[in-house]
Amino acid sequence: MPISVGTATLAAGAIGASGGFLGQSDTNQTNKDIAAANNATQINLANTAYQRRVAGLQAAGLNPMLAYTQGGASTPGGASAQHQSETEGMSKSALDVILAKETINNMRTQSALNQATADYQRAQSVTSGTAAALNRQITEREKYATALARDDVLRRILILVLLLLRFMICIARIWLLRFLVLLRV
């Protein structure tokens, strides 16, 4: 069964966070040990400051009583332990995981939006093509209806002309018969 990208990202973030926690914990302990050793050295130097000054003055051939008027030997400043939060790395890793997850969600949303846009554009082209075909059909039907109406008008005119010719023929016969009747009399 394949692992999803989101699951892989969460797992990587969890591993990174636990590694950061353990690494920072070890670093903090080492810093603490170094600071304790430095503090012990500083305490020792501070406790023996006058003895070291007297020994130094005697070695230089000077009166050791000067140590009491000038103070003890100087004690160097010690180092303090640098302690960092062990959960800082975890929270950063957790933020990285959340950021990665949101980035993946944004990519999926953008992909869906791109697909919807493409579908809409395809539908628009089909709709415009269908509308153009429908307009062509309407135009053809209007031409056909116009032709039928023209043909119907011509047919009616022809019928009227034929009726008029029959009527004229009838009138002509009547006049011819009257004329013939008048000629016989």
N, C-alpha and C. Protein backbone atom coordinates (compact mmCIF):
# COMPACT_ATOMS: atom_id res chain seq x y z
N MET A 1 0.85 -1.18 0.00
CA MET A 1 0.00 0.00 0.00
C MET A 1 0.89 1.24 0.00
N PRO A 2 0.74 2.14 -0.98
CA PRO A 2 1.60 3.33 -1.04
C PRO A 2 1.28 4.30 0.10
N ILE A 3 2.31 5.03 0.53
CA ILE A 3 2.16 6.01 1.60
C ILE A 3 1.88 7.36 0.94
N SER A 4 0.89 8.08 1.49
CA SER A 4 0.55 9.39 0.93
C SER A 4 1.64 10.40 1.27
N VAL A 5 1.67 11.47 0.50
CA VAL A 5 2.67 12.52 0.71
C VAL A 5 2.47 13.16 2.08
N GLY A 6 1.21 13.36 2.48
CA GLY A 6 0.94 13.97 3.79
C GLY A 6 1.45 13.11 4.93
N THR A 7 1.24 11.77 4.83
CA THR A 7 1.71 10.86 5.88
C THR A 7 3.23 10.87 5.94
N ALA A 8 3.88 10.85 4.78
CA ALA A 8 5.35 10.87 4.73
C ALA A 8 5.88 12.17 5.34
N THR A 9 5.23 13.29 5.05
CA THR A 9 5.66 14.57 5.59
C THR A 9 5.52 14.62 7.10
N LEU A 10 4.38 14.11 7.60
CA LEU A 10 4.17 14.08 9.05
C LEU A 10 5.21 13.19 9.73
N ALA A 11 5.50 12.04 9.14
CA ALA A 11 6.48 11.12 9.72
C ALA A 11 7.86 11.76 9.73
N ALA A 12 8.24 12.42 8.65
CA ALA A 12 9.55 13.07 8.59
C ALA A 12 9.65 14.18 9.62
N GLY A 13 8.57 14.93 9.78
CA GLY A 13 8.57 16.00 10.77
C GLY A 13 8.68 15.45 12.18
N ALA A 14 7.99 14.36 12.47
CA ALA A 14 8.06 13.75 13.80
C ALA A 14 9.47 13.24 14.08
N ILE A 15 10.09 12.61 13.11
CA ILE A 15 11.46 12.11 13.28
C ILE A 15 12.41 13.28 13.49
N GLY A 16 12.25 14.33 12.70
CA GLY A 16 13.10 15.51 12.85
C GLY A 16 12.92 16.16 14.21
N ALA A 17 11.68 16.25 14.66
CA ALA A 17 11.41 16.88 15.95
C ALA A 17 12.01 16.07 17.09
N SER A 18 11.86 14.73 17.04
CA SER A 18 12.42 13.90 18.13
C SER A 18 13.95 13.95 18.09
N GLY A 19 14.54 13.96 16.88
CA GLY A 19 15.99 14.06 16.77
C GLY A 19 16.47 15.40 17.31
N GLY A 20 15.75 16.48 17.00
CA GLY A 20 16.11 17.80 17.51
C GLY A 20 16.01 17.86 19.02
N PHE A 21 14.98 17.23 19.57
CA PHE A 21 14.79 17.20 21.03
C PHE A 21 15.94 16.47 21.70
N LEU A 22 16.26 15.28 21.20
CA LEU A 22 17.33 14.48 21.81
C LEU A 22 18.68 15.16 21.65
N GLY A 23 18.96 15.72 20.48
CA GLY A 23 20.23 16.40 20.23
C GLY A 23 20.39 17.61 21.14
N GLN A 24 19.35 18.41 21.28
CA GLN A 24 19.41 19.61 22.12
C GLN A 24 19.55 19.22 23.58
N SER A 25 18.91 18.14 23.97
CA SER A 25 19.01 17.65 25.36
C SER A 25 20.45 17.27 25.68
N ASP A 26 21.10 16.56 24.77
CA ASP A 26 22.50 16.19 24.96
C ASP A 26 23.40 17.43 25.02
N THR A 27 23.16 18.38 24.13
CA THR A 27 23.95 19.61 24.11
C THR A 27 23.79 20.37 25.41
N ASN A 28 22.57 20.48 25.89
CA ASN A 28 22.32 21.19 27.15
C ASN A 28 23.05 20.51 28.31
N GLN A 29 23.05 19.19 28.35
CA GLN A 29 23.73 18.46 29.43
C GLN A 29 25.24 18.70 29.38
N THR A 30 25.81 18.67 28.16
CA THR A 30 27.26 18.93 28.01
C THR A 30 27.59 20.34 28.47
N ASN A 31 26.80 21.31 28.06
CA ASN A 31 27.02 22.70 28.47
C ASN A 31 26.94 22.83 29.99
N LYS A 32 26.01 22.12 30.59
CA LYS A 32 25.84 22.14 32.04
C LYS A 32 27.07 21.56 32.74
N ASP A 33 27.59 20.46 32.21
CA ASP A 33 28.79 19.83 32.79
C ASP A 33 30.00 20.76 32.68
N ILE A 34 30.18 21.39 31.52
CA ILE A 34 31.30 22.32 31.33
C ILE A 34 31.17 23.50 32.29
N ALA A 35 29.97 24.04 32.43
CA ALA A 35 29.76 25.18 33.33
C ALA A 35 30.04 24.78 34.77
N ALA A 36 29.67 23.56 35.19
CA ALA A 36 29.93 23.11 36.55
C ALA A 36 31.44 23.01 36.80
N ALA A 37 32.18 22.47 35.81
CA ALA A 37 33.64 22.37 35.95
C ALA A 37 34.26 23.76 36.04
N ASN A 38 33.80 24.71 35.22
CA ASN A 38 34.31 26.08 35.26
C ASN A 38 34.00 26.74 36.60
N ASN A 39 32.79 26.50 37.10
CA ASN A 39 32.42 27.07 38.40
C ASN A 39 33.30 26.52 39.51
N ALA A 40 33.61 25.23 39.48
CA ALA A 40 34.49 24.62 40.50
C ALA A 40 35.88 25.25 40.43
N THR A 41 36.37 25.47 39.21
CA THR A 41 37.68 26.10 39.04
C THR A 41 37.66 27.52 39.57
N GLN A 42 36.60 28.27 39.27
CA GLN A 42 36.48 29.66 39.75
C GLN A 42 36.42 29.71 41.27
N ILE A 43 35.68 28.79 41.88
CA ILE A 43 35.60 28.74 43.35
C ILE A 43 36.99 28.47 43.93
N ASN A 44 37.68 27.51 43.33
CA ASN A 44 39.03 27.18 43.80
C ASN A 44 39.97 28.38 43.68
N LEU A 45 39.90 29.09 42.53
CA LEU A 45 40.75 30.27 42.33
C LEU A 45 40.39 31.38 43.31
N ALA A 46 39.09 31.58 43.54
CA ALA A 46 38.67 32.62 44.47
C ALA A 46 39.11 32.29 45.89
N ASN A 47 39.04 31.00 46.29
CA ASN A 47 39.42 30.59 47.64
C ASN A 47 40.94 30.68 47.88
N THR A 48 41.70 30.60 46.83
CA THR A 48 43.17 30.62 46.97
C THR A 48 43.78 31.90 46.45
N ALA A 49 43.00 32.95 46.30
CA ALA A 49 43.48 34.21 45.71
C ALA A 49 44.62 34.80 46.55
N TYR A 50 44.49 34.87 47.89
CA TYR A 50 45.53 35.47 48.73
C TYR A 50 46.78 34.59 48.77
N GLN A 51 46.56 33.25 48.82
CA GLN A 51 47.72 32.37 48.84
C GLN A 51 48.52 32.52 47.56
N ARG A 52 47.82 32.63 46.44
CA ARG A 52 48.53 32.77 45.16
C ARG A 52 49.25 34.12 45.09
N ARG A 53 48.64 35.18 45.65
CA ARG A 53 49.27 36.51 45.64
C ARG A 53 50.54 36.50 46.52
N VAL A 54 50.43 35.91 47.70
CA VAL A 54 51.58 35.85 48.62
C VAL A 54 52.71 35.07 47.96
N ALA A 55 52.39 33.93 47.35
CA ALA A 55 53.41 33.12 46.68
C ALA A 55 54.06 33.91 45.55
N GLY A 56 53.26 34.66 44.82
CA GLY A 56 53.80 35.47 43.73
C GLY A 56 54.71 36.56 44.24
N LEU A 57 54.31 37.21 45.31
CA LEU A 57 55.14 38.28 45.87
C LEU A 57 56.45 37.73 46.42
N GLN A 58 56.39 36.58 47.09
CA GLN A 58 57.61 35.97 47.62
C GLN A 58 58.53 35.55 46.48
N ALA A 59 57.97 35.03 45.41
CA ALA A 59 58.80 34.61 44.27
C ALA A 59 59.47 35.82 43.65
N ALA A 60 58.81 36.98 43.71
CA ALA A 60 59.39 38.19 43.15
C ALA A 60 60.34 38.86 44.13
N GLY A 61 60.43 38.34 45.35
CA GLY A 61 61.33 38.90 46.36
C GLY A 61 60.73 40.10 47.05
N LEU A 62 59.44 40.23 47.08
CA LEU A 62 58.77 41.36 47.71
C LEU A 62 58.15 40.92 49.03
N ASN A 63 57.74 41.90 49.80
CA ASN A 63 57.14 41.65 51.11
C ASN A 63 55.76 41.03 50.90
N PRO A 64 55.48 39.84 51.49
CA PRO A 64 54.18 39.20 51.32
C PRO A 64 53.04 39.99 51.94
N MET A 65 53.32 40.96 52.83
CA MET A 65 52.26 41.76 53.45
C MET A 65 51.57 42.66 52.42
N LEU A 66 52.22 42.87 51.28
CA LEU A 66 51.59 43.69 50.23
C LEU A 66 50.30 43.03 49.71
N ALA A 67 50.23 41.73 49.87
CA ALA A 67 49.04 41.01 49.39
C ALA A 67 47.81 41.47 50.14
N TYR A 68 47.97 41.84 51.42
CA TYR A 68 46.81 42.25 52.19
C TYR A 68 46.39 43.67 51.87
N THR A 69 47.31 44.50 51.42
CA THR A 69 46.95 45.88 51.08
C THR A 69 46.45 45.98 49.63
N GLN A 70 46.95 45.11 48.78
CA GLN A 70 46.55 45.16 47.37
C GLN A 70 45.44 44.17 47.02
N GLY A 71 45.11 43.30 47.90
CA GLY A 71 44.09 42.30 47.65
C GLY A 71 44.69 41.05 47.06
N GLY A 72 43.84 40.03 46.96
CA GLY A 72 44.30 38.74 46.45
C GLY A 72 44.55 38.78 44.95
N ALA A 73 45.06 37.65 44.45
CA ALA A 73 45.30 37.53 43.01
C ALA A 73 43.97 37.59 42.27
N SER A 74 44.04 38.09 41.04
CA SER A 74 42.80 38.20 40.26
C SER A 74 42.27 36.82 39.88
N THR A 75 40.96 36.75 39.82
CA THR A 75 40.30 35.50 39.43
C THR A 75 39.62 35.75 38.09
N PRO A 76 39.96 34.97 37.06
CA PRO A 76 39.32 35.20 35.75
C PRO A 76 37.83 34.88 35.80
N GLY A 77 37.09 35.58 34.96
CA GLY A 77 35.64 35.31 34.87
C GLY A 77 35.41 33.95 34.23
N GLY A 78 34.43 33.26 34.72
CA GLY A 78 34.15 31.92 34.19
C GLY A 78 33.06 31.96 33.13
N ALA A 79 32.91 30.84 32.51
CA ALA A 79 31.89 30.72 31.47
C ALA A 79 30.59 30.25 32.10
N SER A 80 29.49 30.69 31.54
CA SER A 80 28.20 30.20 32.01
C SER A 80 27.65 29.22 30.96
N ALA A 81 26.81 28.35 31.41
CA ALA A 81 26.25 27.35 30.50
C ALA A 81 25.21 28.00 29.59
N GLN A 82 25.27 27.67 28.33
CA GLN A 82 24.26 28.15 27.40
C GLN A 82 23.21 27.07 27.28
N HIS A 83 22.03 27.45 27.71
CA HIS A 83 20.94 26.48 27.74
C HIS A 83 19.87 26.92 26.75
N GLN A 84 19.50 26.03 25.83
CA GLN A 84 18.44 26.34 24.87
C GLN A 84 17.28 25.40 25.11
N SER A 85 16.13 25.88 24.77
CA SER A 85 14.92 25.08 24.97
C SER A 85 14.98 23.80 24.14
N GLU A 86 14.68 22.70 24.80
CA GLU A 86 14.71 21.42 24.09
C GLU A 86 13.51 21.26 23.17
N THR A 87 12.46 22.02 23.44
CA THR A 87 11.26 21.92 22.60
C THR A 87 11.26 22.92 21.47
N GLU A 88 12.27 23.81 21.44
CA GLU A 88 12.32 24.80 20.36
C GLU A 88 12.42 24.12 19.00
N GLY A 89 13.30 23.14 18.91
CA GLY A 89 13.44 22.39 17.66
C GLY A 89 12.17 21.64 17.31
N MET A 90 11.51 21.14 18.38
CA MET A 90 10.27 20.40 18.13
C MET A 90 9.21 21.33 17.57
N SER A 91 9.09 22.53 18.16
CA SER A 91 8.05 23.43 17.68
C SER A 91 8.37 23.89 16.27
N LYS A 92 9.67 24.09 15.98
CA LYS A 92 10.04 24.48 14.62
C LYS A 92 9.73 23.34 13.65
N SER A 93 10.03 22.11 14.05
CA SER A 93 9.73 20.96 13.20
C SER A 93 8.23 20.81 13.02
N ALA A 94 7.49 21.04 14.12
CA ALA A 94 6.02 20.95 14.01
C ALA A 94 5.50 22.02 13.06
N LEU A 95 6.07 23.23 13.14
CA LEU A 95 5.66 24.28 12.20
C LEU A 95 6.01 23.90 10.77
N ASP A 96 7.19 23.29 10.59
CA ASP A 96 7.58 22.83 9.25
C ASP A 96 6.59 21.81 8.73
N VAL A 97 6.15 20.90 9.60
CA VAL A 97 5.18 19.87 9.19
C VAL A 97 3.86 20.53 8.81
N ILE A 98 3.40 21.47 9.63
CA ILE A 98 2.13 22.16 9.34
C ILE A 98 2.25 22.94 8.04
N LEU A 99 3.40 23.62 7.87
CA LEU A 99 3.61 24.38 6.64
C LEU A 99 3.62 23.47 5.42
N ALA A 100 4.30 22.32 5.53
CA ALA A 100 4.33 21.36 4.41
C ALA A 100 2.94 20.84 4.11
N LYS A 101 2.18 20.55 5.16
CA LYS A 101 0.82 20.03 4.96
C LYS A 101 -0.06 21.09 4.28
N GLU A 102 0.03 22.33 4.72
CA GLU A 102 -0.75 23.41 4.12
C GLU A 102 -0.30 23.66 2.67
N THR A 103 0.99 23.54 2.41
CA THR A 103 1.49 23.70 1.04
C THR A 103 0.89 22.62 0.14
N ILE A 104 0.84 21.39 0.65
CA ILE A 104 0.25 20.30 -0.13
C ILE A 104 -1.24 20.57 -0.36
N ASN A 105 -1.94 21.02 0.67
CA ASN A 105 -3.37 21.34 0.51
C ASN A 105 -3.56 22.46 -0.50
N ASN A 106 -2.70 23.48 -0.45
CA ASN A 106 -2.79 24.57 -1.43
C ASN A 106 -2.55 24.07 -2.84
N MET A 107 -1.58 23.16 -2.99
CA MET A 107 -1.29 22.60 -4.32
C MET A 107 -2.49 21.81 -4.84
N ARG A 108 -3.13 21.03 -3.95
CA ARG A 108 -4.31 20.27 -4.36
C ARG A 108 -5.45 21.21 -4.75
N THR A 109 -5.66 22.26 -3.95
CA THR A 109 -6.71 23.23 -4.24
C THR A 109 -6.45 23.92 -5.57
N GLN A 110 -5.19 24.31 -5.80
CA GLN A 110 -4.83 24.98 -7.06
C GLN A 110 -5.05 24.04 -8.24
N SER A 111 -4.71 22.77 -8.06
CA SER A 111 -4.91 21.79 -9.13
C SER A 111 -6.40 21.63 -9.43
N ALA A 112 -7.23 21.57 -8.39
CA ALA A 112 -8.68 21.46 -8.59
C ALA A 112 -9.22 22.71 -9.28
N LEU A 113 -8.72 23.87 -8.89
CA LEU A 113 -9.15 25.12 -9.52
C LEU A 113 -8.75 25.15 -10.99
N ASN A 114 -7.53 24.71 -11.30
CA ASN A 114 -7.10 24.66 -12.70
C ASN A 114 -7.98 23.71 -13.51
N GLN A 115 -8.32 22.56 -12.93
CA GLN A 115 -9.18 21.59 -13.62
C GLN A 115 -10.57 22.18 -13.86
N ALA A 116 -11.12 22.86 -12.83
CA ALA A 116 -12.44 23.47 -12.98
C ALA A 116 -12.43 24.56 -14.05
N THR A 117 -11.35 25.33 -14.10
CA THR A 117 -11.23 26.37 -15.12
C THR A 117 -11.18 25.75 -16.52
N ALA A 118 -10.41 24.67 -16.66
CA ALA A 118 -10.32 23.99 -17.96
C ALA A 118 -11.68 23.42 -18.35
N ASP A 119 -12.39 22.82 -17.39
CA ASP A 119 -13.72 22.28 -17.68
C ASP A 119 -14.68 23.38 -18.10
N TYR A 120 -14.60 24.53 -17.42
CA TYR A 120 -15.47 25.66 -17.76
C TYR A 120 -15.18 26.15 -19.17
N GLN A 121 -13.90 26.25 -19.52
CA GLN A 121 -13.53 26.73 -20.85
C GLN A 121 -13.99 25.75 -21.93
N ARG A 122 -13.86 24.43 -21.64
CA ARG A 122 -14.36 23.44 -22.60
C ARG A 122 -15.87 23.57 -22.77
N ALA A 123 -16.58 23.74 -21.67
CA ALA A 123 -18.03 23.90 -21.72
C ALA A 123 -18.41 25.15 -22.50
N GLN A 124 -17.65 26.23 -22.30
CA GLN A 124 -17.91 27.47 -23.03
C GLN A 124 -17.73 27.26 -24.53
N SER A 125 -16.67 26.55 -24.92
CA SER A 125 -16.44 26.33 -26.35
C SER A 125 -17.52 25.44 -26.93
N VAL A 126 -17.95 24.42 -26.18
CA VAL A 126 -19.03 23.55 -26.66
C VAL A 126 -20.32 24.34 -26.76
N THR A 127 -20.59 25.18 -25.75
CA THR A 127 -21.80 25.99 -25.75
C THR A 127 -21.79 26.96 -26.92
N SER A 128 -20.67 27.61 -27.16
CA SER A 128 -20.61 28.56 -28.28
C SER A 128 -20.74 27.83 -29.61
N GLY A 129 -20.15 26.63 -29.70
CA GLY A 129 -20.29 25.83 -30.92
C GLY A 129 -21.73 25.38 -31.11
N THR A 130 -22.38 24.99 -30.03
CA THR A 130 -23.78 24.58 -30.08
C THR A 130 -24.66 25.77 -30.44
N ALA A 131 -24.38 26.93 -29.89
CA ALA A 131 -25.16 28.13 -30.20
C ALA A 131 -25.00 28.49 -31.66
N ALA A 132 -23.79 28.38 -32.19
CA ALA A 132 -23.57 28.70 -33.61
C ALA A 132 -24.34 27.71 -34.50
N ALA A 133 -24.30 26.43 -34.13
CA ALA A 133 -25.04 25.43 -34.91
C ALA A 133 -26.54 25.69 -34.82
N LEU A 134 -27.03 26.05 -33.65
CA LEU A 134 -28.45 26.36 -33.48
C LEU A 134 -28.83 27.58 -34.31
N ASN A 135 -27.98 28.59 -34.32
CA ASN A 135 -28.25 29.78 -35.14
C ASN A 135 -28.29 29.43 -36.63
N ARG A 136 -27.38 28.53 -37.06
CA ARG A 136 -27.40 28.10 -38.46
C ARG A 136 -28.71 27.38 -38.78
N GLN A 137 -29.16 26.51 -37.85
CA GLN A 137 -30.41 25.79 -38.07
C GLN A 137 -31.59 26.76 -38.16
N ILE A 138 -31.60 27.73 -37.27
CA ILE A 138 -32.69 28.71 -37.28
C ILE A 138 -32.68 29.48 -38.59
N THR A 139 -31.49 29.89 -39.04
CA THR A 139 -31.38 30.62 -40.30
C THR A 139 -31.88 29.77 -41.46
N GLU A 140 -31.48 28.49 -41.49
CA GLU A 140 -31.94 27.59 -42.56
C GLU A 140 -33.45 27.43 -42.51
N ARG A 141 -34.01 27.27 -41.34
CA ARG A 141 -35.48 27.12 -41.23
C ARG A 141 -36.20 28.39 -41.65
N GLU A 142 -35.62 29.54 -41.30
CA GLU A 142 -36.23 30.80 -41.73
C GLU A 142 -36.20 30.92 -43.25
N LYS A 143 -35.08 30.52 -43.86
CA LYS A 143 -34.99 30.55 -45.32
C LYS A 143 -36.03 29.61 -45.92
N TYR A 144 -36.16 28.41 -45.36
CA TYR A 144 -37.12 27.43 -45.86
C TYR A 144 -38.55 27.95 -45.70
N ALA A 145 -38.83 28.54 -44.52
CA ALA A 145 -40.17 29.07 -44.28
C ALA A 145 -40.46 30.23 -45.24
N THR A 146 -39.46 31.06 -45.50
CA THR A 146 -39.63 32.17 -46.44
C THR A 146 -39.89 31.63 -47.84
N ALA A 147 -39.13 30.60 -48.21
CA ALA A 147 -39.34 30.00 -49.54
C ALA A 147 -40.73 29.38 -49.63
N LEU A 148 -41.16 28.69 -48.56
CA LEU A 148 -42.51 28.10 -48.57
C LEU A 148 -43.58 29.19 -48.67
N ALA A 149 -43.39 30.26 -47.93
CA ALA A 149 -44.38 31.35 -47.97
C ALA A 149 -44.41 31.97 -49.36
N ARG A 150 -43.24 32.17 -49.97
CA ARG A 150 -43.19 32.74 -51.32
C ARG A 150 -43.87 31.79 -52.32
N ASP A 151 -43.57 30.49 -52.19
CA ASP A 151 -44.19 29.51 -53.07
C ASP A 151 -45.70 29.49 -52.88
N ASP A 152 -46.15 29.63 -51.62
CA ASP A 152 -47.59 29.64 -51.33
C ASP A 152 -48.25 30.86 -51.94
N VAL A 153 -47.59 32.00 -51.86
CA VAL A 153 -48.13 33.23 -52.45
C VAL A 153 -48.20 33.07 -53.97
N LEU A 154 -47.12 32.52 -54.55
CA LEU A 154 -47.13 32.33 -56.01
C LEU A 154 -48.24 31.36 -56.44
N ARG A 155 -48.42 30.29 -55.66
CA ARG A 155 -49.47 29.32 -55.97
C ARG A 155 -50.85 29.99 -55.91
N ARG A 156 -51.06 30.81 -54.89
CA ARG A 156 -52.36 31.48 -54.75
C ARG A 156 -52.59 32.48 -55.90
N ILE A 157 -51.51 33.17 -56.27
CA ILE A 157 -51.63 34.11 -57.39
C ILE A 157 -51.96 33.34 -58.67
N LEU A 158 -51.30 32.20 -58.86
CA LEU A 158 -51.56 31.38 -60.04
C LEU A 158 -53.01 30.89 -60.05
N ILE A 159 -53.49 30.48 -58.90
CA ILE A 159 -54.89 30.03 -58.81
C ILE A 159 -55.82 31.18 -59.14
N LEU A 160 -55.53 32.36 -58.62
CA LEU A 160 -56.37 33.53 -58.91
C LEU A 160 -56.34 33.86 -60.41
N VAL A 161 -55.15 33.77 -61.00
CA VAL A 161 -55.03 34.06 -62.44
C VAL A 161 -55.84 33.04 -63.24
N LEU A 162 -55.72 31.75 -62.84
CA LEU A 162 -56.49 30.71 -63.54
C LEU A 162 -57.99 30.93 -63.38
N LEU A 163 -58.41 31.29 -62.16
CA LEU A 163 -59.83 31.57 -61.94
C LEU A 163 -60.28 32.78 -62.76
N LEU A 164 -59.42 33.77 -62.81
CA LEU A 164 -59.74 34.95 -63.60
C LEU A 164 -59.84 34.60 -65.09
N LEU A 165 -58.93 33.74 -65.56
CA LEU A 165 -59.00 33.31 -66.96
C LEU A 165 -60.29 32.54 -67.23
N ARG A 166 -60.66 31.66 -66.33
CA ARG A 166 -61.93 30.91 -66.50
C ARG A 166 -63.12 31.86 -66.54
N PHE A 167 -63.04 32.83 -65.61
CA PHE A 167 -64.13 33.80 -65.58
C PHE A 167 -64.20 34.57 -66.90
N MET A 168 -63.04 34.94 -67.40
CA MET A 168 -63.00 35.68 -68.66
C MET A 168 -63.47 34.80 -69.83
N ILE A 169 -63.10 33.54 -69.75
CA ILE A 169 -63.55 32.63 -70.81
C ILE A 169 -65.07 32.50 -70.75
N CYS A 170 -65.58 32.38 -69.55
CA CYS A 170 -67.04 32.28 -69.39
C CYS A 170 -67.72 33.53 -69.92
N ILE A 171 -67.19 34.69 -69.56
CA ILE A 171 -67.75 35.95 -70.03
C ILE A 171 -67.66 36.01 -71.55
N ALA A 172 -66.54 35.58 -72.07
CA ALA A 172 -66.35 35.61 -73.53
C ALA A 172 -67.35 34.68 -74.19
N ARG A 173 -67.62 33.54 -73.61
CA ARG A 173 -68.61 32.61 -74.18
C ARG A 173 -70.00 33.24 -74.16
N ILE A 174 -70.28 33.87 -73.02
CA ILE A 174 -71.60 34.49 -72.91
C ILE A 174 -71.74 35.56 -74.00
N TRP A 175 -70.78 36.38 -74.21
CA TRP A 175 -70.84 37.42 -75.22
C TRP A 175 -70.88 36.82 -76.61
N LEU A 176 -70.17 35.73 -76.77
CA LEU A 176 -70.18 35.07 -78.07
C LEU A 176 -71.56 34.49 -78.36
N LEU A 177 -72.16 33.86 -77.37
CA LEU A 177 -73.49 33.30 -77.53
C LEU A 177 -74.49 34.43 -77.81
N ARG A 178 -74.44 35.52 -77.14
CA ARG A 178 -75.34 36.63 -77.38
C ARG A 178 -75.15 37.17 -78.81
N PHE A 179 -73.89 37.24 -79.16
CA PHE A 179 -73.61 37.74 -80.50
C PHE A 179 -74.18 36.80 -81.56
N LEU A 180 -74.05 35.48 -81.32
CA LEU A 180 -74.57 34.51 -82.27
C LEU A 180 -76.09 34.54 -82.26
N VAL A 181 -76.67 34.72 -81.13
CA VAL A 181 -78.12 34.78 -81.04
C VAL A 181 -78.58 36.03 -81.78
N LEU A 182 -77.91 37.09 -81.70
CA LEU A 182 -78.29 38.30 -82.37
C LEU A 182 -78.11 38.16 -83.88
N LEU A 183 -77.20 37.42 -84.29
CA LEU A 183 -76.95 37.23 -85.69
C LEU A 183 -78.05 36.35 -86.29
N ARG A 184 -78.61 35.46 -85.63
CA ARG A 184 -79.65 34.57 -86.13
C ARG A 184 -80.97 35.28 -86.17
N VAL A 185 -81.18 36.09 -85.53
CA VAL A 185 -82.49 36.70 -85.49
C VAL A 185 -82.69 37.60 -86.63
